Amino acid sequence: MSATLQARVQAFPDMSGARLLREIRELGYEGGYTLVTDFLREVRPAKQTQFERRFETPPRKQAQVDFAEFTVEFTDDPGVVRKV
């Protein structure tokens, strides 16, 4: 049964422990969920992290803007609060 489980995990590495438990119960497994999750920790391949590709562009080809709102009282118009 161990070879069957390893093959299943290799084919579907993101399969949850609950799903795997349901499948192997149909094959006659009588153990518990914790044993399945412990097994998965041992045999599941490590997740590959996606890398981020950095690129540079020439000046004036791209721009980035962060929007925010502020309330300001200008000195040339005291007492008037404006949203900028």
Protein backbone atom coordinates (compact mmCIF):
# COMPACT_ATOMS: atom_id res chain seq x y z
CA MET A 1 0.00 0.00 0.00
CA SER A 2 2.94 2.33 0.68
CA ALA A 3 4.06 2.23 -2.96
CA THR A 4 0.51 3.02 -4.07
CA LEU A 5 0.35 6.02 -1.75
CA GLN A 6 3.74 7.32 -2.85
CA ALA A 7 2.74 7.05 -6.50
CA ARG A 8 -0.52 8.87 -5.77
CA VAL A 9 1.26 11.68 -3.92
CA GLN A 10 3.84 12.03 -6.69
CA ALA A 11 1.07 12.30 -9.28
CA PHE A 12 -0.96 14.81 -7.21
CA PRO A 13 1.40 16.56 -4.75
CA ASP A 14 -1.25 19.06 -3.59
CA MET A 15 -3.79 16.38 -2.65
CA SER A 16 -5.13 16.93 0.86
CA GLY A 17 -4.83 14.36 3.61
CA ALA A 18 -8.62 14.12 3.83
CA ARG A 19 -8.93 13.32 0.13
CA LEU A 20 -6.18 10.71 0.29
CA LEU A 21 -7.80 9.16 3.36
CA ARG A 22 -11.11 8.81 1.50
CA GLU A 23 -9.37 7.12 -1.42
CA ILE A 24 -7.41 4.63 0.65
CA ARG A 25 -10.41 3.80 2.84
CA GLU A 26 -12.06 2.53 -0.34
CA LEU A 27 -9.04 0.23 -0.72
CA GLY A 28 -9.52 -1.18 2.79
CA TYR A 29 -7.39 1.14 4.96
CA GLU A 30 -8.65 1.22 8.56
CA GLY A 31 -6.14 3.63 10.11
CA GLY A 32 -6.69 7.24 11.12
CA TYR A 33 -6.23 10.64 9.60
CA THR A 34 -3.12 11.51 11.65
CA LEU A 35 -1.20 8.56 10.24
CA VAL A 36 -2.04 9.72 6.73
CA THR A 37 -0.91 13.30 7.36
CA ASP A 38 2.30 12.10 9.03
CA PHE A 39 2.97 9.95 5.96
CA LEU A 40 2.29 12.89 3.66
CA ARG A 41 4.82 15.04 5.51
CA GLU A 42 7.48 12.43 4.85
CA VAL A 43 6.80 11.67 1.18
CA ARG A 44 5.31 14.86 -0.27
CA PRO A 45 7.82 16.69 -2.46
CA ALA A 46 8.83 20.18 -1.39
CA LYS A 47 6.90 22.97 -3.08
CA GLN A 48 8.78 24.88 -5.72
CA THR A 49 8.56 28.61 -5.18
CA GLN A 50 8.00 30.78 -8.20
CA PHE A 51 10.74 33.28 -8.82
CA GLU A 52 10.09 36.86 -9.69
CA ARG A 53 11.78 38.16 -12.80
CA ARG A 54 13.08 41.68 -12.39
CA PHE A 55 13.38 43.92 -15.41
CA GLU A 56 14.42 47.49 -15.97
CA THR A 57 12.93 49.87 -18.49
CA PRO A 58 14.41 53.04 -19.98
CA PRO A 59 13.38 56.38 -18.47
CA ARG A 60 9.87 57.63 -19.43
CA LYS A 61 8.66 54.16 -20.51
CA GLN A 62 6.87 53.15 -17.31
CA ALA A 63 5.50 54.85 -14.23
CA GLN A 64 4.21 53.76 -10.86
CA VAL A 65 1.72 55.73 -8.82
CA ASP A 66 0.45 55.24 -5.28
CA PHE A 67 -2.88 56.98 -4.67
CA ALA A 68 -3.77 58.52 -1.31
CA GLU A 69 -6.05 61.25 0.02
CA PHE A 70 -5.01 63.94 2.48
CA THR A 71 -6.76 66.95 3.94
CA VAL A 72 -4.58 70.06 3.98
CA GLU A 73 -5.00 73.66 5.09
CA PHE A 74 -2.89 75.89 2.85
CA THR A 75 -1.24 78.98 4.32
CA ASP A 76 -2.47 81.25 1.52
CA ASP A 77 -6.12 80.36 2.31
CA PRO A 78 -6.34 79.90 6.10
CA GLY A 79 -9.40 78.21 7.55
CA VAL A 80 -10.19 76.32 4.34
CA VAL A 81 -9.40 72.62 4.40
CA ARG A 82 -8.93 70.96 1.04
CA LYS A 83 -8.67 67.34 0.02
CA VAL A 84 -5.56 66.65 -2.05
